[in-house]
PDB file of all heavy atoms in Angstrom:
ATOM      1  N   MET A   1      88.819  79.016 -46.791  1.00  0.00           N
ATOM      2  CA  MET A   1      88.433  80.417 -46.598  1.00  0.00           C
ATOM      3  C   MET A   1      88.432  81.134 -47.945  1.00  0.00           C
ATOM      4  O   MET A   1      89.334  80.960 -48.754  1.00  0.00           O
ATOM      5  CB  MET A   1      89.408  81.115 -45.648  1.00  0.00           C
ATOM      6  CG  MET A   1      89.007  82.538 -45.307  1.00  0.00           C
ATOM      7  SD  MET A   1      90.089  83.275 -44.049  1.00  0.00           S
ATOM      8  CE  MET A   1      89.548  82.392 -42.606  1.00  0.00           C
ATOM      9  N   LYS A   2      87.388  81.934 -48.202  1.00  0.00           N
ATOM     10  CA  LYS A   2      87.289  82.600 -49.497  1.00  0.00           C
ATOM     11  C   LYS A   2      88.388  83.642 -49.656  1.00  0.00           C
ATOM     12  O   LYS A   2      89.008  84.092 -48.689  1.00  0.00           O
ATOM     13  CB  LYS A   2      85.918  83.255 -49.640  1.00  0.00           C
ATOM     14  CG  LYS A   2      85.703  84.468 -48.750  1.00  0.00           C
ATOM     15  CD  LYS A   2      84.342  85.098 -49.015  1.00  0.00           C
ATOM     16  CE  LYS A   2      84.156  86.368 -48.190  1.00  0.00           C
ATOM     17  NZ  LYS A   2      82.875  87.024 -48.451  1.00  0.00           N
ATOM     18  N   GLU A   3      88.615  84.007 -50.923  1.00  0.00           N
ATOM     19  CA  GLU A   3      89.646  85.020 -51.208  1.00  0.00           C
ATOM     20  C   GLU A   3      89.238  86.359 -50.586  1.00  0.00           C
ATOM     21  O   GLU A   3      88.078  86.765 -50.655  1.00  0.00           O
ATOM     22  CB  GLU A   3      89.812  85.187 -52.720  1.00  0.00           C
ATOM     23  CG  GLU A   3      90.882  86.179 -53.103  1.00  0.00           C
ATOM     24  CD  GLU A   3      91.003  86.348 -54.611  1.00  0.00           C
ATOM     25  OE1 GLU A   3      90.310  85.615 -55.337  1.00  0.00           O
ATOM     26  OE2 GLU A   3      91.767  87.224 -55.036  1.00  0.00           O
ATOM     27  N   VAL A   4      90.201  87.031 -49.962  1.00  0.00           N
ATOM     28  CA  VAL A   4      89.916  88.327 -49.353  1.00  0.00           C
ATOM     29  C   VAL A   4      90.740  89.403 -50.033  1.00  0.00           C
ATOM     30  O   VAL A   4      91.819  89.146 -50.546  1.00  0.00           O
ATOM     31  CB  VAL A   4      90.218  88.314 -47.838  1.00  0.00           C
ATOM     32  CG1 VAL A   4      89.266  87.375 -47.124  1.00  0.00           C
ATOM     33  CG2 VAL A   4      91.661  87.913 -47.567  1.00  0.00           C
ATOM     34  N   LYS A   5      90.222  90.631 -50.014  1.00  0.00           N
ATOM     35  CA  LYS A   5      90.869  91.733 -50.725  1.00  0.00           C
ATOM     36  C   LYS A   5      91.608  92.683 -49.801  1.00  0.00           C
ATOM     37  O   LYS A   5      92.380  93.515 -50.261  1.00  0.00           O
ATOM     38  CB  LYS A   5      89.813  92.507 -51.527  1.00  0.00           C
ATOM     39  CG  LYS A   5      89.140  91.676 -52.610  1.00  0.00           C
ATOM     40  CD  LYS A   5      88.095  92.497 -53.352  1.00  0.00           C
ATOM     41  CE  LYS A   5      87.407  91.657 -54.421  1.00  0.00           C
ATOM     42  NZ  LYS A   5      86.352  92.426 -55.138  1.00  0.00           N
ATOM     43  N   SER A   6      91.384  92.584 -48.509  1.00  0.00           N
ATOM     44  CA  SER A   6      92.035  93.496 -47.580  1.00  0.00           C
ATOM     45  C   SER A   6      92.249  92.815 -46.246  1.00  0.00           C
ATOM     46  O   SER A   6      91.605  91.805 -45.925  1.00  0.00           O
ATOM     47  CB  SER A   6      91.189  94.749 -47.381  1.00  0.00           C
ATOM     48  OG  SER A   6      90.007  94.435 -46.657  1.00  0.00           O
ATOM     49  N   MET A   7      93.156  93.374 -45.442  1.00  0.00           N
ATOM     50  CA  MET A   7      93.396  92.830 -44.110  1.00  0.00           C
ATOM     51  C   MET A   7      92.158  92.994 -43.237  1.00  0.00           C
ATOM     52  O   MET A   7      91.837  92.106 -42.433  1.00  0.00           O
ATOM     53  CB  MET A   7      94.598  93.525 -43.477  1.00  0.00           C
ATOM     54  CG  MET A   7      94.976  92.960 -42.120  1.00  0.00           C
ATOM     55  SD  MET A   7      95.270  91.164 -42.121  1.00  0.00           S
ATOM     56  CE  MET A   7      96.744  91.099 -43.157  1.00  0.00           C
ATOM     57  N   GLU A   8      91.441  94.087 -43.383  1.00  0.00           N
ATOM     58  CA  GLU A   8      90.226  94.291 -42.592  1.00  0.00           C
ATOM     59  C   GLU A   8      89.200  93.201 -42.886  1.00  0.00           C
ATOM     60  O   GLU A   8      88.569  92.663 -41.969  1.00  0.00           O
ATOM     61  CB  GLU A   8      89.616  95.663 -42.878  1.00  0.00           C
ATOM     62  CG  GLU A   8      88.378  95.937 -42.043  1.00  0.00           C
ATOM     63  CD  GLU A   8      87.808  97.332 -42.256  1.00  0.00           C
ATOM     64  OE1 GLU A   8      88.438  98.132 -42.967  1.00  0.00           O
ATOM     65  OE2 GLU A   8      86.724  97.597 -41.700  1.00  0.00           O
ATOM     66  N   GLU A   9      89.060  92.842 -44.156  1.00  0.00           N
ATOM     67  CA  GLU A   9      88.117  91.782 -44.526  1.00  0.00           C
ATOM     68  C   GLU A   9      88.567  90.441 -43.939  1.00  0.00           C
ATOM     69  O   GLU A   9      87.754  89.658 -43.438  1.00  0.00           O
ATOM     70  CB  GLU A   9      88.011  91.684 -46.050  1.00  0.00           C
ATOM     71  CG  GLU A   9      86.934  90.725 -46.520  1.00  0.00           C
ATOM     72  CD  GLU A   9      86.821  90.670 -48.033  1.00  0.00           C
ATOM     73  OE1 GLU A   9      87.508  91.459 -48.715  1.00  0.00           O
ATOM     74  OE2 GLU A   9      86.049  89.821 -48.522  1.00  0.00           O
ATOM     75  N   LEU A  10      89.874  90.184 -43.968  1.00  0.00           N
ATOM     76  CA  LEU A  10      90.402  88.947 -43.393  1.00  0.00           C
ATOM     77  C   LEU A  10      90.123  88.888 -41.891  1.00  0.00           C
ATOM     78  O   LEU A  10      89.703  87.852 -41.364  1.00  0.00           O
ATOM     79  CB  LEU A  10      91.905  88.837 -43.649  1.00  0.00           C
ATOM     80  CG  LEU A  10      92.624  87.664 -42.969  1.00  0.00           C
ATOM     81  CD1 LEU A  10      92.054  86.326 -43.463  1.00  0.00           C
ATOM     82  CD2 LEU A  10      94.127  87.734 -43.221  1.00  0.00           C
ATOM     83  N   ILE A  11      90.353  89.993 -41.205  1.00  0.00           N
ATOM     84  CA  ILE A  11      90.117  90.040 -39.759  1.00  0.00           C
ATOM     85  C   ILE A  11      88.644  89.767 -39.450  1.00  0.00           C
ATOM     86  O   ILE A  11      88.317  89.006 -38.530  1.00  0.00           O
ATOM     87  CB  ILE A  11      90.568  91.392 -39.182  1.00  0.00           C
ATOM     88  CG1 ILE A  11      92.107  91.481 -39.201  1.00  0.00           C
ATOM     89  CG2 ILE A  11      90.030  91.595 -37.760  1.00  0.00           C
ATOM     90  CD1 ILE A  11      92.659  92.857 -38.926  1.00  0.00           C
ATOM     91  N   LYS A  12      87.739  90.345 -40.214  1.00  0.00           N
ATOM     92  CA  LYS A  12      86.307  90.130 -39.977  1.00  0.00           C
ATOM     93  C   LYS A  12      85.915  88.683 -40.232  1.00  0.00           C
ATOM     94  O   LYS A  12      85.064  88.126 -39.518  1.00  0.00           O
ATOM     95  CB  LYS A  12      85.487  91.088 -40.839  1.00  0.00           C
ATOM     96  CG  LYS A  12      85.591  92.532 -40.355  1.00  0.00           C
ATOM     97  CD  LYS A  12      84.781  93.488 -41.212  1.00  0.00           C
ATOM     98  CE  LYS A  12      84.876  94.920 -40.658  1.00  0.00           C
ATOM     99  NZ  LYS A  12      84.121  95.885 -41.483  1.00  0.00           N
ATOM    100  N   LEU A  13      86.549  88.038 -41.198  1.00  0.00           N
ATOM    101  CA  LEU A  13      86.308  86.612 -41.425  1.00  0.00           C
ATOM    102  C   LEU A  13      86.825  85.783 -40.249  1.00  0.00           C
ATOM    103  O   LEU A  13      86.193  84.811 -39.828  1.00  0.00           O
ATOM    104  CB  LEU A  13      86.981  86.160 -42.726  1.00  0.00           C
ATOM    105  CG  LEU A  13      86.298  86.577 -44.028  1.00  0.00           C
ATOM    106  CD1 LEU A  13      87.165  86.231 -45.227  1.00  0.00           C
ATOM    107  CD2 LEU A  13      84.932  85.892 -44.161  1.00  0.00           C
ATOM    108  N   LYS A  14      87.974  86.178 -39.723  1.00  0.00           N
ATOM    109  CA  LYS A  14      88.529  85.485 -38.551  1.00  0.00           C
ATOM    110  C   LYS A  14      87.580  85.599 -37.360  1.00  0.00           C
ATOM    111  O   LYS A  14      87.402  84.654 -36.583  1.00  0.00           O
ATOM    112  CB  LYS A  14      89.890  86.078 -38.183  1.00  0.00           C
ATOM    113  CG  LYS A  14      90.987  85.841 -39.203  1.00  0.00           C
ATOM    114  CD  LYS A  14      91.581  84.465 -39.069  1.00  0.00           C
ATOM    115  CE  LYS A  14      92.781  84.295 -39.996  1.00  0.00           C
ATOM    116  NZ  LYS A  14      93.329  82.912 -39.916  1.00  0.00           N
ATOM    117  N   LEU A  15      86.963  86.767 -37.187  1.00  0.00           N
ATOM    118  CA  LEU A  15      86.039  86.969 -36.071  1.00  0.00           C
ATOM    119  C   LEU A  15      84.826  86.043 -36.194  1.00  0.00           C
ATOM    120  O   LEU A  15      84.370  85.462 -35.196  1.00  0.00           O
ATOM    121  CB  LEU A  15      85.587  88.424 -36.009  1.00  0.00           C
ATOM    122  CG  LEU A  15      86.683  89.474 -35.777  1.00  0.00           C
ATOM    123  CD1 LEU A  15      86.063  90.862 -35.664  1.00  0.00           C
ATOM    124  CD2 LEU A  15      87.517  89.160 -34.541  1.00  0.00           C
ATOM    125  N   LYS A  16      84.310  85.879 -37.406  1.00  0.00           N
ATOM    126  CA  LYS A  16      83.184  84.961 -37.619  1.00  0.00           C
ATOM    127  C   LYS A  16      83.600  83.526 -37.313  1.00  0.00           C
ATOM    128  O   LYS A  16      82.840  82.752 -36.714  1.00  0.00           O
ATOM    129  CB  LYS A  16      82.682  85.076 -39.062  1.00  0.00           C
ATOM    130  CG  LYS A  16      81.958  86.382 -39.365  1.00  0.00           C
ATOM    131  CD  LYS A  16      81.480  86.417 -40.804  1.00  0.00           C
ATOM    132  CE  LYS A  16      80.786  87.743 -41.118  1.00  0.00           C
ATOM    133  NZ  LYS A  16      80.364  87.818 -42.549  1.00  0.00           N
ATOM    134  N   GLU A  17      84.802  83.186 -37.700  1.00  0.00           N
ATOM    135  CA  GLU A  17      85.329  81.848 -37.447  1.00  0.00           C
ATOM    136  C   GLU A  17      85.440  81.597 -35.937  1.00  0.00           C
ATOM    137  O   GLU A  17      85.069  80.526 -35.440  1.00  0.00           O
ATOM    138  CB  GLU A  17      86.707  81.719 -38.109  1.00  0.00           C
ATOM    139  CG  GLU A  17      87.386  80.382 -37.917  1.00  0.00           C
ATOM    140  CD  GLU A  17      88.785  80.367 -38.527  1.00  0.00           C
ATOM    141  OE1 GLU A  17      89.084  81.219 -39.389  1.00  0.00           O
ATOM    142  OE2 GLU A  17      89.580  79.509 -38.118  1.00  0.00           O
ATOM    143  N   ILE A  18      85.935  82.592 -35.213  1.00  0.00           N
ATOM    144  CA  ILE A  18      86.067  82.460 -33.753  1.00  0.00           C
ATOM    145  C   ILE A  18      84.691  82.278 -33.117  1.00  0.00           C
ATOM    146  O   ILE A  18      84.499  81.420 -32.247  1.00  0.00           O
ATOM    147  CB  ILE A  18      86.772  83.700 -33.161  1.00  0.00           C
ATOM    148  CG1 ILE A  18      88.215  83.787 -33.662  1.00  0.00           C
ATOM    149  CG2 ILE A  18      86.743  83.654 -31.632  1.00  0.00           C
ATOM    150  CD1 ILE A  18      88.888  85.114 -33.371  1.00  0.00           C
ATOM    151  N   GLU A  19      83.730  83.082 -33.539  1.00  0.00           N
ATOM    152  CA  GLU A  19      82.379  82.988 -32.972  1.00  0.00           C
ATOM    153  C   GLU A  19      81.784  81.596 -33.178  1.00  0.00           C
ATOM    154  O   GLU A  19      81.189  81.009 -32.270  1.00  0.00           O
ATOM    155  CB  GLU A  19      81.474  84.052 -33.587  1.00  0.00           C
ATOM    156  CG  GLU A  19      81.768  85.461 -33.099  1.00  0.00           C
ATOM    157  CD  GLU A  19      80.801  86.490 -33.632  1.00  0.00           C
ATOM    158  OE1 GLU A  19      80.500  86.461 -34.844  1.00  0.00           O
ATOM    159  OE2 GLU A  19      80.341  87.327 -32.837  1.00  0.00           O
ATOM    160  N   GLU A  20      81.954  81.070 -34.378  1.00  0.00           N
ATOM    161  CA  GLU A  20      81.375  79.766 -34.697  1.00  0.00           C
ATOM    162  C   GLU A  20      82.067  78.644 -33.932  1.00  0.00           C
ATOM    163  O   GLU A  20      81.407  77.774 -33.348  1.00  0.00           O
ATOM    164  CB  GLU A  20      81.468  79.518 -36.209  1.00  0.00           C
ATOM    165  CG  GLU A  20      80.552  80.415 -37.026  1.00  0.00           C
ATOM    166  CD  GLU A  20      80.817  80.329 -38.513  1.00  0.00           C
ATOM    167  OE1 GLU A  20      81.676  79.504 -38.921  1.00  0.00           O
ATOM    168  OE2 GLU A  20      80.184  81.087 -39.276  1.00  0.00           O
ATOM    169  N   LYS A  21      83.383  78.657 -33.902  1.00  0.00           N
ATOM    170  CA  LYS A  21      84.117  77.543 -33.295  1.00  0.00           C
ATOM    171  C   LYS A  21      84.123  77.595 -31.775  1.00  0.00           C
ATOM    172  O   LYS A  21      84.215  76.566 -31.108  1.00  0.00           O
ATOM    173  CB  LYS A  21      85.541  77.510 -33.839  1.00  0.00           C
ATOM    174  CG  LYS A  21      85.602  77.142 -35.322  1.00  0.00           C
ATOM    175  CD  LYS A  21      87.015  76.883 -35.803  1.00  0.00           C
ATOM    176  CE  LYS A  21      87.007  76.406 -37.247  1.00  0.00           C
ATOM    177  NZ  LYS A  21      88.377  76.149 -37.772  1.00  0.00           N
ATOM    178  N   GLU A  22      84.027  78.784 -31.204  1.00  0.00           N
ATOM    179  CA  GLU A  22      84.058  78.932 -29.748  1.00  0.00           C
ATOM    180  C   GLU A  22      82.662  79.072 -29.138  1.00  0.00           C
ATOM    181  O   GLU A  22      82.533  79.118 -27.920  1.00  0.00           O
ATOM    182  CB  GLU A  22      84.900  80.152 -29.364  1.00  0.00           C
ATOM    183  CG  GLU A  22      86.386  79.992 -29.651  1.00  0.00           C
ATOM    184  CD  GLU A  22      87.082  79.128 -28.615  1.00  0.00           C
ATOM    185  OE1 GLU A  22      86.532  78.944 -27.505  1.00  0.00           O
ATOM    186  OE2 GLU A  22      88.184  78.642 -28.919  1.00  0.00           O
ATOM    187  N   ASN A  23      81.633  79.160 -29.983  1.00  0.00           N
ATOM    188  CA  ASN A  23      80.251  79.356 -29.516  1.00  0.00           C
ATOM    189  C   ASN A  23      80.147  80.591 -28.629  1.00  0.00           C
ATOM    190  O   ASN A  23      79.684  80.540 -27.480  1.00  0.00           O
ATOM    191  CB  ASN A  23      79.742  78.126 -28.774  1.00  0.00           C
ATOM    192  CG  ASN A  23      78.250  78.215 -28.473  1.00  0.00           C
ATOM    193  OD1 ASN A  23      77.503  78.891 -29.185  1.00  0.00           O
ATOM    194  ND2 ASN A  23      77.805  77.538 -27.415  1.00  0.00           N
ATOM    195  N   ILE A  24      80.578  81.716 -29.161  1.00  0.00           N
ATOM    196  CA  ILE A  24      80.546  82.984 -28.435  1.00  0.00           C
ATOM    197  C   ILE A  24      79.931  84.056 -29.329  1.00  0.00           C
ATOM    198  O   ILE A  24      79.734  83.852 -30.532  1.00  0.00           O
ATOM    199  CB  ILE A  24      81.964  83.450 -28.021  1.00  0.00           C
ATOM    200  CG1 ILE A  24      82.822  83.700 -29.275  1.00  0.00           C
ATOM    201  CG2 ILE A  24      82.612  82.442 -27.076  1.00  0.00           C
ATOM    202  CD1 ILE A  24      84.131  84.402 -29.006  1.00  0.00           C
ATOM    203  N   LYS A  25      79.648  85.204 -28.722  1.00  0.00           N
ATOM    204  CA  LYS A  25      79.314  86.404 -29.498  1.00  0.00           C
ATOM    205  C   LYS A  25      80.345  87.466 -29.178  1.00  0.00           C
ATOM    206  O   LYS A  25      80.587  87.777 -28.000  1.00  0.00           O
ATOM    207  CB  LYS A  25      77.916  86.933 -29.156  1.00  0.00           C
ATOM    208  CG  LYS A  25      77.582  88.209 -29.946  1.00  0.00           C
ATOM    209  CD  LYS A  25      76.162  88.683 -29.730  1.00  0.00           C
ATOM    210  CE  LYS A  25      75.883  89.922 -30.592  1.00  0.00           C
ATOM    211  NZ  LYS A  25      74.488  90.395 -30.451  1.00  0.00           N
ATOM    212  N   ILE A  26      80.973  88.012 -30.198  1.00  0.00           N
ATOM    213  CA  ILE A  26      81.937  89.094 -30.010  1.00  0.00           C
ATOM    214  C   ILE A  26      81.163  90.402 -29.900  1.00  0.00           C
ATOM    215  O   ILE A  26      80.387  90.760 -30.789  1.00  0.00           O
ATOM    216  CB  ILE A  26      82.950  89.131 -31.157  1.00  0.00           C
ATOM    217  CG1 ILE A  26      83.873  87.900 -31.065  1.00  0.00           C
ATOM    218  CG2 ILE A  26      83.782  90.418 -31.112  1.00  0.00           C
ATOM    219  CD1 ILE A  26      84.839  87.744 -32.215  1.00  0.00           C
ATOM    220  N   LEU A  27      81.360  91.089 -28.784  1.00  0.00           N
ATOM    221  CA  LEU A  27      80.634  92.331 -28.515  1.00  0.00           C
ATOM    222  C   LEU A  27      81.354  93.553 -29.079  1.00  0.00           C
ATOM    223  O   LEU A  27      80.711  94.524 -29.490  1.00  0.00           O
ATOM    224  CB  LEU A  27      80.469  92.520 -26.998  1.00  0.00           C
ATOM    225  CG  LEU A  27      79.781  91.382 -26.244  1.00  0.00           C
ATOM    226  CD1 LEU A  27      79.772  91.682 -24.752  1.00  0.00           C
ATOM    227  CD2 LEU A  27      78.360  91.179 -26.765  1.00  0.00           C
ATOM    228  N   HIS A  28      82.675  93.501 -29.076  1.00  0.00           N
ATOM    229  CA  HIS A  28      83.464  94.670 -29.493  1.00  0.00           C
ATOM    230  C   HIS A  28      84.839  94.181 -29.896  1.00  0.00           C
ATOM    231  O   HIS A  28      85.433  93.361 -29.198  1.00  0.00           O
ATOM    232  CB  HIS A  28      83.572  95.659 -28.328  1.00  0.00           C
ATOM    233  CG  HIS A  28      84.114  97.001 -28.680  1.00  0.00           C
ATOM    234  ND1 HIS A  28      83.493  97.850 -29.577  1.00  0.00           N
ATOM    235  CD2 HIS A  28      85.232  97.665 -28.254  1.00  0.00           C
ATOM    236  CE1 HIS A  28      84.194  98.977 -29.678  1.00  0.00           C
ATOM    237  NE2 HIS A  28      85.258  98.877 -28.889  1.00  0.00           N
ATOM    238  N   CYS A  29      85.338  94.665 -31.027  1.00  0.00           N
ATOM    239  CA  CYS A  29      86.657  94.235 -31.499  1.00  0.00           C
ATOM    240  C   CYS A  29      87.367  95.417 -32.142  1.00  0.00           C
ATOM    241  O   CYS A  29      86.790  96.116 -32.993  1.00  0.00           O
ATOM    242  CB  CYS A  29      86.518  93.099 -32.508  1.00  0.00           C
ATOM    243  SG  CYS A  29      88.109  92.526 -33.149  1.00  0.00           S
ATOM    244  N   VAL A  30      88.610  95.631 -31.741  1.00  0.00           N
ATOM    245  CA  VAL A  30      89.342  96.823 -32.184  1.00  0.00           C
ATOM    246  C   VAL A  30      90.802  96.490 -32.480  1.00  0.00           C
ATOM    247  O   VAL A  30      91.298  95.415 -32.140  1.00  0.00           O
ATOM    248  CB  VAL A  30      89.312  97.926 -31.097  1.00  0.00           C
ATOM    249  CG1 VAL A  30      87.894  98.346 -30.789  1.00  0.00           C
ATOM    250  CG2 VAL A  30      90.034  97.467 -29.836  1.00  0.00           C
ATOM    251  N   GLU A  31      91.470  97.445 -33.069  1.00  0.00           N
ATOM    252  CA  GLU A  31      92.934  97.448 -33.166  1.00  0.00           C
ATOM    253  C   GLU A  31      93.470  98.102 -31.891  1.00  0.00           C
ATOM    254  O   GLU A  31      92.931  99.115 -31.434  1.00  0.00           O
ATOM    255  CB  GLU A  31      93.372  98.252 -34.396  1.00  0.00           C
ATOM    256  CG  GLU A  31      94.852  98.238 -34.660  1.00  0.00           C
ATOM    257  CD  GLU A  31      95.362  96.879 -35.108  1.00  0.00           C
ATOM    258  OE1 GLU A  31      94.607  96.122 -35.750  1.00  0.00           O
ATOM    259  OE2 GLU A  31      96.534  96.580 -34.821  1.00  0.00           O
ATOM    260  N   SER A  32      94.523  97.507 -31.327  1.00  0.00           N
ATOM    261  CA  SER A  32      94.966  98.006 -30.021  1.00  0.00           C
ATOM    262  C   SER A  32      96.418  98.473 -29.980  1.00  0.00           C
ATOM    263  O   SER A  32      96.842  99.033 -28.976  1.00  0.00           O
ATOM    264  CB  SER A  32      94.791  96.913 -28.958  1.00  0.00           C
ATOM    265  OG  SER A  32      95.752  95.881 -29.142  1.00  0.00           O
ATOM    266  N   GLY A  33      97.201  98.251 -31.015  1.00  0.00           N
ATOM    267  CA  GLY A  33      98.622  98.561 -30.959  1.00  0.00           C
ATOM    268  C   GLY A  33      99.006  99.804 -31.734  1.00  0.00           C
ATOM    269  O   GLY A  33      98.269 100.798 -31.770  1.00  0.00           O
ATOM    270  N   SER A  34     100.161  99.740 -32.385  1.00  0.00           N
ATOM    271  CA  SER A  34     100.721 100.928 -33.031  1.00  0.00           C
ATOM    272  C   SER A  34      99.821 101.490 -34.122  1.00  0.00           C
ATOM    273  O   SER A  34      99.828 102.691 -34.386  1.00  0.00           O
ATOM    274  CB  SER A  34     102.108 100.618 -33.599  1.00  0.00           C
ATOM    275  OG  SER A  34     102.054  99.583 -34.556  1.00  0.00           O
ATOM    276  N   ARG A  35      99.036 100.628 -34.770  1.00  0.00           N
ATOM    277  CA  ARG A  35      98.121 101.135 -35.803  1.00  0.00           C
ATOM    278  C   ARG A  35      97.036 102.016 -35.178  1.00  0.00           C
ATOM    279  O   ARG A  35      96.642 103.030 -35.755  1.00  0.00           O
ATOM    280  CB  ARG A  35      97.495  99.975 -36.581  1.00  0.00           C
ATOM    281  CG  ARG A  35      98.507  99.220 -37.422  1.00  0.00           C
ATOM    282  CD  ARG A  35      97.902  98.052 -38.193  1.00  0.00           C
ATOM    283  NE  ARG A  35      98.934  97.371 -38.951  1.00  0.00           N
ATOM    284  CZ  ARG A  35      99.378  97.752 -40.143  1.00  0.00           C
ATOM    285  NH1 ARG A  35      98.832  98.801 -40.735  1.00  0.00           N
ATOM    286  NH2 ARG A  35     100.339  97.089 -40.761  1.00  0.00           N
ATOM    287  N   ALA A  36      96.542 101.628 -34.013  1.00  0.00           N
ATOM    288  CA  ALA A  36      95.528 102.443 -33.324  1.00  0.00           C
ATOM    289  C   ALA A  36      96.143 103.683 -32.685  1.00  0.00           C
ATOM    290  O   ALA A  36      95.477 104.703 -32.544  1.00  0.00           O
ATOM    291  CB  ALA A  36      94.827 101.603 -32.263  1.00  0.00           C
ATOM    292  N   TRP A  37      97.422 103.580 -32.287  1.00  0.00           N
ATOM    293  CA  TRP A  37      98.105 104.731 -31.695  1.00  0.00           C
ATOM    294  C   TRP A  37      98.546 105.743 -32.754  1.00  0.00           C
ATOM    295  O   TRP A  37      98.901 106.866 -32.419  1.00  0.00           O
ATOM    296  CB  TRP A  37      99.320 104.273 -30.897  1.00  0.00           C
ATOM    297  CG  TRP A  37      98.966 103.448 -29.708  1.00  0.00           C
ATOM    298  CD1 TRP A  37      97.862 103.577 -28.916  1.00  0.00           C
ATOM    299  CD2 TRP A  37      99.719 102.350 -29.167  1.00  0.00           C
ATOM    300  NE1 TRP A  37      97.878 102.624 -27.915  1.00  0.00           N
ATOM    301  CE2 TRP A  37      99.008 101.860 -28.038  1.00  0.00           C
ATOM    302  CE3 TRP A  37     100.929 101.741 -29.521  1.00  0.00           C
ATOM    303  CZ2 TRP A  37      99.459 100.798 -27.283  1.00  0.00           C
ATOM    304  CZ3 TRP A  37     101.380 100.669 -28.756  1.00  0.00           C
ATOM    305  CH2 TRP A  37     100.645 100.209 -27.655  1.00  0.00           C
ATOM    306  N   GLY A  38      98.546 105.326 -34.027  1.00  0.00           N
ATOM    307  CA  GLY A  38      98.852 106.249 -35.116  1.00  0.00           C
ATOM    308  C   GLY A  38     100.317 106.365 -35.451  1.00  0.00           C
ATOM    309  O   GLY A  38     100.730 107.364 -36.048  1.00  0.00           O
ATOM    310  N   PHE A  39     101.131 105.342 -35.121  1.00  0.00           N
ATOM    311  CA  PHE A  39     102.538 105.400 -35.540  1.00  0.00           C
ATOM    312  C   PHE A  39     103.030 104.045 -36.055  1.00  0.00           C
ATOM    313  O   PHE A  39     104.152 103.630 -35.796  1.00  0.00           O
ATOM    314  CB  PHE A  39     103.449 105.941 -34.435  1.00  0.00           C
ATOM    315  CG  PHE A  39     103.297 105.323 -33.064  1.00  0.00           C
ATOM    316  CD1 PHE A  39     103.722 104.035 -32.804  1.00  0.00           C
ATOM    317  CD2 PHE A  39     102.736 106.056 -32.021  1.00  0.00           C
ATOM    318  CE1 PHE A  39     103.606 103.478 -31.539  1.00  0.00           C
ATOM    319  CE2 PHE A  39     102.613 105.512 -30.743  1.00  0.00           C
ATOM    320  CZ  PHE A  39     103.056 104.213 -30.509  1.00  0.00           C
ATOM    321  N   ALA A  40     102.177 103.360 -36.811  1.00  0.00           N
ATOM    322  CA  ALA A  40     102.558 102.056 -37.360  1.00  0.00           C
ATOM    323  C   ALA A  40     103.591 102.202 -38.466  1.00  0.00           C
ATOM    324  O   ALA A  40     103.566 103.152 -39.244  1.00  0.00           O
ATOM    325  CB  ALA A  40     101.332 101.335 -37.896  1.00  0.00           C
ATOM    326  N   SER A  41     104.493 101.248 -38.531  1.00  0.00           N
ATOM    327  CA  SER A  41     105.385 101.113 -39.676  1.00  0.00           C
ATOM    328  C   SER A  41     104.624 100.386 -40.778  1.00  0.00           C
ATOM    329  O   SER A  41     103.604  99.734 -40.521  1.00  0.00           O
ATOM    330  CB  SER A  41     106.626 100.304 -39.289  1.00  0.00           C
ATOM    331  OG  SER A  41     107.310 100.916 -38.221  1.00  0.00           O
ATOM    332  N   PRO A  42     105.117 100.460 -42.029  1.00  0.00           N
ATOM    333  CA  PRO A  42     104.423  99.758 -43.116  1.00  0.00           C
ATOM    334  C   PRO A  42     104.271  98.260 -42.856  1.00  0.00           C
ATOM    335  O   PRO A  42     103.308  97.654 -43.317  1.00  0.00           O
ATOM    336  CB  PRO A  42     105.316 100.029 -44.329  1.00  0.00           C
ATOM    337  CG  PRO A  42     106.022 101.305 -44.012  1.00  0.00           C
ATOM    338  CD  PRO A  42     106.250 101.278 -42.534  1.00  0.00           C
TER     339      PRO A  42
END
């Protein structure tokens, strides 16, 4: 896997990997936990 500069970039690479290996199309992908709720710890 190529060098990534951010967690968001890593996540998007993971999504491409999932699509290729599982033969699927991802329709929608989000953050669902404390980061999306707005109270994440560092």
